[in-house]
Amino acid sequence: MRSPLAALSADDRALLRKRLRTPVLTFLALLALLAVNVTLGATLPFAEVWIVELLVVAVMVMLILLVSMEVIHEPPLIRLFSGLGFFWVAIMVGMTLTDYLAR
């Protein structure tokens, strides 16, 4: 039984490799950032480690927003509203955490 990729021509395989490059690299970058975040959370190398963890999470959100959701290819108005949507979700999560931690 032949593999489905064996039936593809060299040009098709090159096109497939080109189209899969960005999602695979994004996935690997997200995994690496997750590993950094987990390592920082588990070891707590310094007192203000939470600032670095929040920066890592912000980079992860930007990767998801720009690359996975393909907002980078959209007009500026759509980019603005998608960024505002993520900002609004961050405000809601922050308010929920404030209420939860204050009790």
Protein backbone atom coordinates (compact mmCIF):
# COMPACT_ATOMS: atom_id res chain seq x y z
CA MET A 1 0.00 0.00 0.00
CA ARG A 2 1.43 3.34 -1.07
CA SER A 3 1.40 6.42 1.06
CA PRO A 4 -0.85 9.28 -0.10
CA LEU A 5 2.20 11.55 -0.32
CA ALA A 6 3.86 9.19 -2.81
CA ALA A 7 1.15 10.00 -5.37
CA LEU A 8 1.98 13.71 -5.26
CA SER A 9 4.33 15.27 -7.74
CA ALA A 10 7.46 17.10 -6.62
CA ASP A 11 5.76 20.46 -7.17
CA ASP A 12 2.77 19.41 -5.07
CA ARG A 13 5.02 18.22 -2.26
CA ALA A 14 6.94 21.51 -2.35
CA LEU A 15 3.67 23.46 -2.20
CA LEU A 16 2.44 21.30 0.69
CA ARG A 17 5.71 21.82 2.54
CA LYS A 18 5.50 25.59 1.95
CA ARG A 19 1.91 25.80 3.21
CA LEU A 20 2.56 23.67 6.29
CA ARG A 21 5.74 25.50 7.28
CA THR A 22 4.06 28.44 9.06
CA PRO A 23 1.51 26.42 11.11
CA VAL A 24 4.13 23.88 12.18
CA LEU A 25 6.63 26.59 13.18
CA THR A 26 3.88 28.44 15.06
CA PHE A 27 2.95 25.23 16.89
CA LEU A 28 6.58 24.60 17.83
CA ALA A 29 6.99 28.19 19.02
CA LEU A 30 3.86 27.89 21.18
CA LEU A 31 5.16 24.63 22.66
CA ALA A 32 8.52 26.24 23.42
CA LEU A 33 6.85 29.24 25.07
CA LEU A 34 4.65 26.90 27.08
CA ALA A 35 7.75 25.02 28.23
CA VAL A 36 9.37 28.32 29.26
CA ASN A 37 6.25 29.33 31.17
CA VAL A 38 5.94 25.99 32.97
CA THR A 39 9.64 25.99 33.83
CA LEU A 40 9.45 29.51 35.23
CA GLY A 41 6.34 28.62 37.24
CA ALA A 42 7.86 25.43 38.62
CA THR A 43 11.27 26.82 39.59
CA LEU A 44 10.40 30.41 40.61
CA PRO A 45 13.95 31.71 40.03
CA PHE A 46 13.15 35.22 41.35
CA ALA A 47 10.34 37.06 43.10
CA GLU A 48 8.93 38.96 40.09
CA VAL A 49 8.75 35.91 37.82
CA TRP A 50 5.07 36.58 37.21
CA ILE A 51 5.98 39.60 35.07
CA VAL A 52 8.06 37.42 32.75
CA GLU A 53 5.30 34.81 32.67
CA LEU A 54 2.76 37.46 31.65
CA LEU A 55 5.09 38.62 28.88
CA VAL A 56 5.42 35.05 27.63
CA VAL A 57 1.63 34.68 27.64
CA ALA A 58 1.31 37.98 25.73
CA VAL A 59 3.69 36.67 23.06
CA MET A 60 1.67 33.46 22.86
CA VAL A 61 -1.55 35.44 22.41
CA MET A 62 0.06 37.54 19.69
CA LEU A 63 1.21 34.40 17.86
CA ILE A 64 -2.27 32.93 18.01
CA LEU A 65 -3.91 36.18 16.98
CA LEU A 66 -1.59 37.08 14.12
CA VAL A 67 -0.61 33.70 12.71
CA SER A 68 -3.23 31.10 13.63
CA MET A 69 -6.20 33.41 13.18
CA GLU A 70 -4.48 34.99 10.13
CA VAL A 71 -5.30 38.52 11.28
CA ILE A 72 -1.99 39.69 9.84
CA HIS A 73 -3.46 39.40 6.33
CA GLU A 74 -6.61 41.36 7.13
CA PRO A 75 -7.31 45.09 6.65
CA PRO A 76 -6.33 47.43 9.51
CA LEU A 77 -9.90 47.86 10.78
CA ILE A 78 -10.33 44.12 11.28
CA ARG A 79 -6.94 43.98 13.03
CA LEU A 80 -8.03 46.79 15.33
CA PHE A 81 -11.30 45.12 16.31
CA SER A 82 -9.72 41.70 16.81
CA GLY A 83 -7.10 43.30 19.07
CA LEU A 84 -9.83 45.14 20.96
CA GLY A 85 -11.71 41.87 21.36
CA PHE A 86 -8.69 40.20 22.93
CA PHE A 87 -8.14 43.25 25.12
CA TRP A 88 -11.76 43.08 26.28
CA VAL A 89 -11.40 39.39 27.12
CA ALA A 90 -8.26 40.25 29.12
CA ILE A 91 -10.21 42.89 31.06
CA MET A 92 -12.99 40.40 31.80
CA VAL A 93 -10.54 37.72 32.96
CA GLY A 94 -8.73 40.31 35.09
CA MET A 95 -11.96 41.44 36.72
CA THR A 96 -12.96 37.83 37.38
CA LEU A 97 -9.59 37.11 38.96
CA THR A 98 -9.83 40.25 41.06
CA ASP A 99 -13.19 39.15 42.38
CA TYR A 100 -12.01 35.60 42.98
CA LEU A 101 -8.78 36.62 44.73
CA ALA A 102 -10.48 39.26 46.88
CA ARG A 103 -12.80 36.73 48.54
